[in-house]
């Protein structure tokens, strides 16, 4: 009996330390289940579309949709969370994704894939503001960064395992049937997530207009009006974040080409996969200790360090001409997650109480629309030379990092 009490006591302390409540655990389960299905199937959509007769143009359109919709979906996702409540909005987002999965299963054409992708391909983007809002509602101030970090950590599980399981499906059942079965598995897991949401996530109340209490206005659906509510500190973070994301996205699509084709001692596909694993492992290892420290102090230093690692990666990659140096570069790439959850927590701290989810979504809408230009610009820079691409990325990163270091503002948690 004493042993059972001791185990329960230790478990309670661990869940408290990690910021795990009933509602947050429900959200994390949803992230794993829906994300697992999404990653199992979505990663192999180009192969599936080719098998169905789609060409390079259709695949390019799919990728463009992914980037564009990820930007556009952030704000309506946040607005709906503020308008109807977090629980209802997450249920709605899951149902929309499930409709997309079902369409691809029922109609095996590449045109149906494009239509279905509109419904499911940006599930993460549309659900993120609601998820952040829920974490801020149910966790105390000194556990919010930990809650955001646990969300970021758990997201890596389907990112790592989903493509592996999807690959097994294709290996057994082939490119067409394997991908459709992967979508069937995605639909099943999203259904399970829907029931878990109903049972685990507590109902909340969305803000409504109240003339007697103007401090709690109705959620703002006009992004231009909402932008006026964005305080100068958040605008400063947004501008510097855009610059740092330019640093990330300019070389993003060409990193694999640099490693496997350009350097003096190119690596194999298997070695590049191992480098990606090193990056992801590094990110997972830093999440919890950094969140613990950030919740006990100010957040700005952790964001500055994160921006520094973003900036350093293209410079180190430039001088990495062998596997040994690439290992160091990808460790640095993993360390860019050092303060990413802290940055998300800072966005929520700086958002007005009446529209936290909407403001979070607006932030990502503005950022991702601007940053979507960087990938195209990176292609032109790469045509000049790979070195030009990497050096330009580094310069953007340094400007963004220095800008936030000098002008960035913080919210103390002590």
Protein backbone atom coordinates (compact mmCIF):
# COMPACT_ATOMS: atom_id res chain seq x y z
CA UNK A 1 0.00 0.00 0.00
CA UNK A 2 2.83 2.36 0.91
CA UNK A 3 4.56 1.47 -2.34
CA UNK A 4 1.40 2.32 -4.32
CA UNK A 5 1.10 5.65 -2.51
CA UNK A 6 4.75 6.39 -3.22
CA UNK A 7 4.31 5.61 -6.93
CA UNK A 8 1.22 7.85 -7.09
CA UNK A 9 3.09 10.62 -5.28
CA UNK A 10 6.04 10.44 -7.68
CA UNK A 11 3.69 10.32 -10.67
CA UNK A 12 1.81 13.35 -9.38
CA UNK A 13 5.03 15.31 -8.93
CA UNK A 14 6.20 14.33 -12.43
CA UNK A 15 2.93 15.34 -14.10
CA UNK A 16 2.97 18.59 -12.13
CA UNK A 17 6.55 19.30 -13.19
CA UNK A 18 5.70 18.64 -16.86
CA UNK A 19 2.53 20.76 -16.71
CA UNK A 20 0.25 17.82 -17.50
CA UNK A 21 -3.40 18.40 -16.65
CA UNK A 22 -6.42 16.51 -17.91
CA UNK A 23 -7.07 19.00 -20.71
CA UNK A 24 -3.44 19.37 -21.78
CA UNK A 25 -3.01 15.58 -21.80
CA UNK A 26 -6.05 15.37 -24.08
CA UNK A 27 -4.52 17.89 -26.45
CA UNK A 28 -1.18 16.06 -26.48
CA UNK A 29 -2.97 12.79 -27.26
CA UNK A 30 -4.75 14.57 -30.11
CA UNK A 31 -1.43 15.90 -31.43
CA UNK A 32 0.06 12.39 -31.47
CA UNK A 33 -2.95 10.64 -33.01
CA UNK A 34 -3.93 13.16 -35.68
CA UNK A 35 -0.30 14.06 -36.35
CA UNK A 36 0.66 10.39 -36.71
CA UNK A 37 -2.02 9.80 -39.30
CA UNK A 38 -1.15 13.02 -41.10
CA UNK A 39 2.57 12.18 -41.27
CA UNK A 40 1.96 8.55 -42.31
CA UNK A 41 0.02 9.61 -45.37
CA UNK A 42 0.95 13.21 -46.24
CA UNK A 43 4.69 12.55 -46.55
CA UNK A 44 4.06 10.18 -49.46
CA UNK A 45 1.46 12.27 -51.31
CA UNK A 46 3.85 13.15 -54.19
CA UNK A 47 4.48 9.44 -54.86
CA UNK A 48 0.75 8.71 -54.63
CA UNK A 49 -0.09 11.53 -57.04
CA UNK A 50 2.44 10.24 -59.56
CA UNK A 51 0.94 6.77 -59.27
CA UNK A 52 -2.48 8.27 -60.03
CA UNK A 53 -1.24 10.07 -63.14
CA UNK A 54 -0.45 13.48 -61.68
CA UNK A 55 2.61 15.27 -62.99
CA UNK A 56 5.30 17.56 -61.60
CA UNK A 57 2.98 20.57 -61.90
CA UNK A 58 0.37 18.92 -59.67
CA UNK A 59 3.04 18.07 -57.08
CA UNK A 60 4.38 21.62 -57.18
CA UNK A 61 0.86 22.94 -56.68
CA UNK A 62 0.47 20.66 -53.67
CA UNK A 63 3.64 22.05 -52.07
CA UNK A 64 2.60 25.63 -52.81
CA UNK A 65 -0.79 24.95 -51.21
CA UNK A 66 0.91 23.62 -48.09
CA UNK A 67 2.98 26.77 -47.58
CA UNK A 68 0.20 29.18 -48.51
CA UNK A 69 -2.58 27.51 -46.51
CA UNK A 70 -0.33 27.15 -43.45
CA UNK A 71 -0.06 30.92 -43.44
CA UNK A 72 -3.72 31.65 -44.19
CA UNK A 73 -5.23 29.13 -41.76
CA UNK A 74 -3.48 30.46 -38.66
CA UNK A 75 -5.69 33.53 -38.17
CA UNK A 76 -9.12 31.89 -38.71
CA UNK A 77 -7.97 29.08 -36.42
CA UNK A 78 -7.24 31.59 -33.68
CA UNK A 79 -10.41 33.59 -34.30
CA UNK A 80 -12.65 30.52 -34.05
CA UNK A 81 -10.95 29.49 -30.83
CA UNK A 82 -11.68 32.90 -29.31
CA UNK A 83 -15.21 32.91 -30.75
CA UNK A 84 -16.59 29.45 -29.91
CA UNK A 85 -14.08 28.19 -27.36
CA UNK A 86 -11.03 25.97 -27.56
CA UNK A 87 -12.75 22.61 -27.17
CA UNK A 88 -15.38 23.21 -29.85
CA UNK A 89 -12.86 24.66 -32.28
CA UNK A 90 -10.48 21.69 -31.91
CA UNK A 91 -13.36 19.31 -32.55
CA UNK A 92 -14.30 21.28 -35.67
CA UNK A 93 -10.71 21.26 -36.95
CA UNK A 94 -10.50 17.49 -36.47
CA UNK A 95 -13.76 16.93 -38.35
CA UNK A 96 -12.51 19.04 -41.27
CA UNK A 97 -9.28 17.01 -41.44
CA UNK A 98 -11.27 13.76 -41.29
CA UNK A 99 -13.37 14.89 -44.26
CA UNK A 100 -10.15 15.43 -46.21
CA UNK A 101 -8.85 11.96 -45.28
CA UNK A 102 -12.17 10.38 -46.30
CA UNK A 103 -12.21 12.15 -49.67
CA UNK A 104 -8.76 10.82 -50.60
CA UNK A 105 -9.79 7.29 -49.55
CA UNK A 106 -13.07 7.29 -51.47
CA UNK A 107 -11.93 9.05 -54.66
CA UNK A 108 -8.55 7.70 -55.90
CA UNK A 109 -7.61 10.54 -58.28
CA UNK A 110 -4.88 13.15 -58.01
CA UNK A 111 -7.49 15.91 -58.34
CA UNK A 112 -9.26 14.55 -55.25
CA UNK A 113 -5.93 14.60 -53.43
CA UNK A 114 -5.61 18.34 -54.10
CA UNK A 115 -9.14 19.02 -52.86
CA UNK A 116 -8.70 16.79 -49.81
CA UNK A 117 -5.37 18.43 -49.04
CA UNK A 118 -7.14 21.77 -48.63
CA UNK A 119 -8.97 20.17 -45.68
CA UNK A 120 -6.16 18.28 -43.94
CA UNK A 121 -2.75 19.46 -45.12
CA UNK A 122 -2.59 22.45 -42.75
CA UNK A 123 -4.26 20.88 -39.73
CA UNK A 124 -1.25 21.73 -37.56
CA UNK A 125 -1.37 25.41 -38.56
CA UNK A 126 -5.11 25.87 -37.97
CA UNK A 127 -5.11 24.02 -34.63
CA UNK A 128 -1.95 25.60 -33.17
CA UNK A 129 -3.52 28.89 -31.92
CA UNK A 130 -6.32 26.97 -30.18
CA UNK A 131 -3.79 24.61 -28.62
CA UNK A 132 -1.67 27.48 -27.31
CA UNK A 133 -4.78 29.20 -25.95
CA UNK A 134 -5.84 26.07 -24.07
CA UNK A 135 -2.39 25.67 -22.52
CA UNK A 136 -2.57 29.25 -21.28
CA UNK A 137 -6.06 28.79 -19.87
CA UNK A 138 -5.43 25.63 -17.83
CA UNK A 139 -1.82 26.07 -16.66
CA UNK A 140 -0.47 28.56 -14.11
CA UNK A 141 1.93 31.23 -15.30
CA UNK A 142 5.01 29.40 -14.04
CA UNK A 143 4.15 26.27 -16.08
CA UNK A 144 3.09 27.71 -19.42
CA UNK A 145 6.45 27.51 -21.14
CA UNK A 146 6.71 23.91 -19.95
CA UNK A 147 3.27 23.22 -21.41
CA UNK A 148 4.25 24.72 -24.77
CA UNK A 149 7.51 22.74 -24.68
CA UNK A 150 5.68 19.47 -24.04
CA UNK A 151 3.49 20.23 -27.05
CA UNK A 152 6.59 20.85 -29.20
CA UNK A 153 8.24 17.68 -27.90
CA UNK A 154 5.19 15.47 -28.45
CA UNK A 155 4.81 16.81 -32.01
CA UNK A 156 8.17 15.20 -32.79
CA UNK A 157 6.79 11.72 -32.12
CA UNK A 158 4.58 11.54 -35.24
CA UNK A 159 7.18 13.48 -37.21
CA UNK A 160 9.69 10.72 -36.47
CA UNK A 161 7.47 7.63 -36.58
CA UNK A 162 4.78 8.56 -39.12
CA UNK A 163 6.93 8.37 -42.27
CA UNK A 164 8.43 5.07 -41.10
CA UNK A 165 5.00 3.46 -40.63
CA UNK A 166 3.77 4.97 -43.90
CA UNK A 167 6.81 3.52 -45.64
CA UNK A 168 5.95 0.08 -44.26
CA UNK A 169 2.40 0.42 -45.64
CA UNK A 170 3.79 1.23 -49.10
CA UNK A 171 6.32 -1.60 -48.87
CA UNK A 172 3.57 -4.13 -48.16
CA UNK A 173 0.63 -2.86 -50.24
CA UNK A 174 2.30 -0.73 -52.92
CA UNK A 175 2.21 2.97 -53.71
CA UNK A 176 -1.51 3.30 -54.47
CA UNK A 177 -3.14 0.93 -51.98
CA UNK A 178 -0.49 1.56 -49.35
CA UNK A 179 -1.10 5.32 -49.26
CA UNK A 180 -4.89 4.87 -49.27
CA UNK A 181 -4.60 2.45 -46.35
CA UNK A 182 -2.36 4.96 -44.59
CA UNK A 183 -5.14 7.53 -45.01
CA UNK A 184 -7.62 4.98 -43.63
CA UNK A 185 -5.39 4.58 -40.58
CA UNK A 186 -5.20 8.39 -40.32
CA UNK A 187 -9.01 8.60 -40.37
CA UNK A 188 -9.27 5.95 -37.64
CA UNK A 189 -6.73 7.70 -35.40
CA UNK A 190 -8.44 11.06 -35.89
CA UNK A 191 -11.72 9.44 -34.82
CA UNK A 192 -10.08 8.09 -31.66
CA UNK A 193 -8.64 11.57 -31.01
CA UNK A 194 -12.12 13.06 -31.40
CA UNK A 195 -13.54 10.82 -28.67
CA UNK A 196 -10.56 11.50 -26.40
CA UNK A 197 -11.07 15.25 -26.86
CA UNK A 198 -14.69 14.91 -25.81
CA UNK A 199 -13.78 13.05 -22.64
CA UNK A 200 -10.57 14.75 -21.56
CA UNK A 201 -10.68 18.41 -22.61
CA UNK A 202 -12.75 20.54 -20.29
CA UNK A 203 -15.42 22.77 -21.79
CA UNK A 204 -14.56 26.45 -21.87
CA UNK A 205 -16.41 29.66 -22.48
CA UNK A 206 -15.53 31.97 -25.32
CA UNK A 207 -15.47 35.75 -24.78
CA UNK A 208 -18.69 37.54 -25.77
CA UNK A 209 -19.56 41.17 -26.23
CA UNK A 210 -20.60 42.78 -22.97
CA UNK A 211 -21.45 46.51 -23.04
CA UNK A 212 -21.29 46.63 -19.24
CA UNK A 213 -17.77 45.20 -19.29
CA UNK A 214 -15.78 46.59 -22.22
CA UNK A 215 -12.65 44.85 -20.90
CA UNK A 216 -14.01 41.62 -22.42
CA UNK A 217 -14.92 42.49 -26.02
CA UNK A 218 -16.05 39.98 -28.60
CA UNK A 219 -13.26 38.36 -30.63
CA UNK A 220 -12.14 40.53 -33.54
CA UNK A 221 -12.61 38.89 -36.96
CA UNK A 222 -10.97 41.70 -38.95
CA UNK A 223 -7.20 41.07 -38.98
CA UNK A 224 -6.48 44.74 -39.76
CA UNK A 225 -8.37 45.86 -36.66
CA UNK A 226 -6.76 43.11 -34.61
CA UNK A 227 -3.34 44.26 -35.79
CA UNK A 228 -4.01 47.63 -34.13
CA UNK A 229 -4.28 45.78 -30.81
CA UNK A 230 -0.84 44.23 -31.27
CA UNK A 231 1.47 45.99 -28.84
CA UNK A 232 4.88 47.38 -29.92
CA UNK A 233 6.79 44.62 -28.11
CA UNK A 234 5.03 41.93 -30.14
CA UNK A 235 5.55 43.87 -33.37
CA UNK A 236 9.27 44.02 -32.60
CA UNK A 237 9.35 40.26 -31.99
CA UNK A 238 7.42 39.70 -35.23
CA UNK A 239 9.82 41.75 -37.37
CA UNK A 240 12.93 40.10 -35.97
CA UNK A 241 11.31 36.66 -36.20
CA UNK A 242 10.60 37.25 -39.90
CA UNK A 243 14.25 38.13 -40.50
CA UNK A 244 15.45 35.03 -38.65
CA UNK A 245 12.96 32.86 -40.58
CA UNK A 246 14.42 34.27 -43.80
CA UNK A 247 17.72 32.91 -42.51
CA UNK A 248 16.09 29.49 -42.09
CA UNK A 249 14.05 29.33 -45.30
CA UNK A 250 16.54 30.74 -47.83
CA UNK A 251 18.71 27.57 -47.72
CA UNK A 252 16.03 25.19 -46.38
CA UNK A 253 15.23 23.28 -49.59
CA UNK A 254 18.89 23.15 -50.60
CA UNK A 255 20.42 21.72 -47.43
CA UNK A 256 20.03 18.15 -48.71
CA UNK A 257 21.60 19.14 -52.05
CA UNK A 258 24.53 20.77 -50.27
CA UNK A 259 25.11 17.67 -48.15
CA UNK A 260 24.66 15.04 -50.89
CA UNK A 261 25.87 16.82 -54.03
CA UNK A 262 27.88 19.98 -53.39
CA UNK A 263 30.46 19.44 -50.63
CA UNK A 264 33.91 17.90 -51.09
CA UNK A 265 32.90 14.64 -49.37
CA UNK A 266 29.18 14.14 -50.07
CA UNK A 267 27.12 11.98 -47.72
CA UNK A 268 24.74 9.18 -48.66
CA UNK A 269 20.96 9.28 -48.27
CA UNK A 270 21.24 7.04 -45.20
CA UNK A 271 23.84 9.34 -43.64
CA UNK A 272 21.65 12.36 -44.34
CA UNK A 273 18.78 10.57 -42.62
CA UNK A 274 21.05 9.98 -39.63
CA UNK A 275 21.91 13.70 -39.58
CA UNK A 276 18.20 14.51 -39.43
CA UNK A 277 17.84 12.09 -36.51
CA UNK A 278 20.71 13.85 -34.72
CA UNK A 279 18.96 17.19 -35.25
CA UNK A 280 15.65 15.91 -33.88
CA UNK A 281 17.26 14.17 -30.90
CA UNK A 282 19.11 17.36 -29.97
CA UNK A 283 15.86 19.34 -30.09
CA UNK A 284 14.02 16.85 -27.87
CA UNK A 285 16.82 16.82 -25.28
CA UNK A 286 16.79 20.60 -24.77
CA UNK A 287 13.02 21.18 -24.56
CA UNK A 288 12.30 20.29 -20.94
CA UNK A 289 15.37 21.78 -19.17
CA UNK A 290 15.05 25.04 -21.12
CA UNK A 291 11.32 25.25 -20.37
CA UNK A 292 12.02 24.75 -16.66
CA UNK A 293 14.54 27.59 -16.64
CA UNK A 294 12.41 29.92 -18.80
CA UNK A 295 9.39 29.52 -16.51
CA UNK A 296 11.55 30.62 -13.58
CA UNK A 297 13.02 33.70 -15.24
CA UNK A 298 12.52 36.04 -18.19
CA UNK A 299 12.08 34.66 -21.70
CA UNK A 300 14.10 37.10 -23.81
CA UNK A 301 17.55 35.51 -23.26
CA UNK A 302 16.28 32.11 -24.42
CA UNK A 303 14.77 33.61 -27.58
CA UNK A 304 18.02 35.47 -28.31
CA UNK A 305 19.99 32.21 -27.98
CA UNK A 306 17.51 30.48 -30.29
CA UNK A 307 17.88 33.19 -32.93
CA UNK A 308 21.67 32.89 -32.56
CA UNK A 309 21.54 29.15 -33.37
CA UNK A 310 19.26 29.83 -36.35
CA UNK A 311 21.84 32.31 -37.65
CA UNK A 312 24.87 30.14 -36.99
CA UNK A 313 23.63 27.07 -38.88
CA UNK A 314 24.10 28.32 -42.49
CA UNK A 315 27.56 29.68 -41.63
CA UNK A 316 28.72 26.39 -40.09
CA UNK A 317 27.11 24.49 -42.98
CA UNK A 318 29.14 26.62 -45.40
CA UNK A 319 32.37 25.28 -43.89
CA UNK A 320 31.11 21.69 -43.44
CA UNK A 321 32.69 19.65 -46.22
CA UNK A 322 32.53 16.19 -44.61
CA UNK A 323 30.26 14.06 -42.45
CA UNK A 324 32.14 14.94 -39.25
CA UNK A 325 31.54 18.66 -39.68
CA UNK A 326 27.97 18.09 -40.82
CA UNK A 327 27.27 16.33 -37.52
CA UNK A 328 28.25 19.53 -35.71
CA UNK A 329 26.12 21.61 -38.10
CA UNK A 330 23.03 19.47 -37.50
CA UNK A 331 23.52 19.55 -33.73
CA UNK A 332 23.40 23.34 -34.09
CA UNK A 333 20.29 22.96 -36.25
CA UNK A 334 18.66 20.97 -33.45
CA UNK A 335 19.65 23.62 -30.92
CA UNK A 336 17.55 26.17 -32.85
CA UNK A 337 14.64 24.61 -30.95
CA UNK A 338 16.37 25.78 -27.72
CA UNK A 339 13.91 28.57 -27.10
CA UNK A 340 11.23 28.00 -29.76
CA UNK A 341 8.55 26.98 -27.21
CA UNK A 342 9.69 29.96 -25.13
CA UNK A 343 9.13 32.24 -28.14
CA UNK A 344 5.60 30.87 -28.56
CA UNK A 345 4.97 31.40 -24.85
CA UNK A 346 6.25 34.99 -25.16
CA UNK A 347 3.80 35.62 -28.03
CA UNK A 348 0.97 34.47 -25.76
CA UNK A 349 2.28 36.59 -22.87
CA UNK A 350 2.29 39.68 -25.10
CA UNK A 351 -1.22 39.00 -26.51
CA UNK A 352 -4.33 40.69 -25.03
CA UNK A 353 -6.32 38.43 -22.70
CA UNK A 354 -9.49 38.82 -24.78
CA UNK A 355 -7.99 37.51 -28.02
CA UNK A 356 -4.89 35.43 -27.28
CA UNK A 357 -5.64 32.72 -29.84
CA UNK A 358 -6.63 35.25 -32.51
CA UNK A 359 -3.51 37.34 -31.94
CA UNK A 360 -1.33 34.22 -32.03
CA UNK A 361 -2.92 33.26 -35.34
CA UNK A 362 -2.48 36.78 -36.75
CA UNK A 363 1.20 36.72 -35.77
CA UNK A 364 1.73 33.50 -37.72
CA UNK A 365 -0.35 34.71 -40.65
CA UNK A 366 1.82 37.82 -41.09
CA UNK A 367 5.09 35.99 -40.46
CA UNK A 368 4.46 33.06 -42.78
CA UNK A 369 3.14 35.19 -45.65
CA UNK A 370 6.37 37.20 -45.63
CA UNK A 371 8.60 34.18 -45.09
CA UNK A 372 7.01 32.26 -47.98
CA UNK A 373 8.91 34.65 -50.26
CA UNK A 374 12.24 33.48 -48.82
CA UNK A 375 12.12 30.03 -50.40
CA UNK A 376 11.75 31.51 -53.88
CA UNK A 377 14.48 34.05 -53.19
CA UNK A 378 16.70 31.23 -51.97
CA UNK A 379 16.39 29.51 -55.35
CA UNK A 380 17.67 32.60 -57.20
CA UNK A 381 20.53 32.98 -54.71
CA UNK A 382 21.45 29.30 -55.15
CA UNK A 383 21.64 29.82 -58.90
CA UNK A 384 24.23 32.54 -58.30
CA UNK A 385 26.16 30.13 -56.07
CA UNK A 386 25.49 27.90 -53.02
CA UNK A 387 27.88 30.07 -51.02
CA UNK A 388 25.86 33.20 -51.85
CA UNK A 389 22.72 31.47 -50.60
CA UNK A 390 24.27 30.45 -47.26
CA UNK A 391 26.03 33.77 -46.61
CA UNK A 392 22.86 35.76 -47.37
CA UNK A 393 20.90 33.55 -44.97
CA UNK A 394 23.52 34.15 -42.28
CA UNK A 395 23.32 37.93 -42.75
CA UNK A 396 19.53 37.92 -42.34
CA UNK A 397 19.91 35.85 -39.19
CA UNK A 398 22.48 38.20 -37.66
CA UNK A 399 20.30 41.26 -38.36
CA UNK A 400 17.25 39.60 -36.79
CA UNK A 401 19.17 38.33 -33.77
CA UNK A 402 20.86 41.65 -33.07
CA UNK A 403 17.58 43.49 -33.57
CA UNK A 404 15.76 41.42 -30.95
CA UNK A 405 18.75 41.50 -28.58
CA UNK A 406 18.84 45.30 -28.67
CA UNK A 407 15.17 46.22 -29.06
CA UNK A 408 13.25 43.13 -27.93
CA UNK A 409 11.05 43.30 -24.83
CA UNK A 410 10.18 40.65 -22.27
CA UNK A 411 7.53 39.67 -19.74
CA UNK A 412 8.84 38.60 -16.37
CA UNK A 413 7.36 35.51 -14.73
CA UNK A 414 8.77 36.13 -11.25
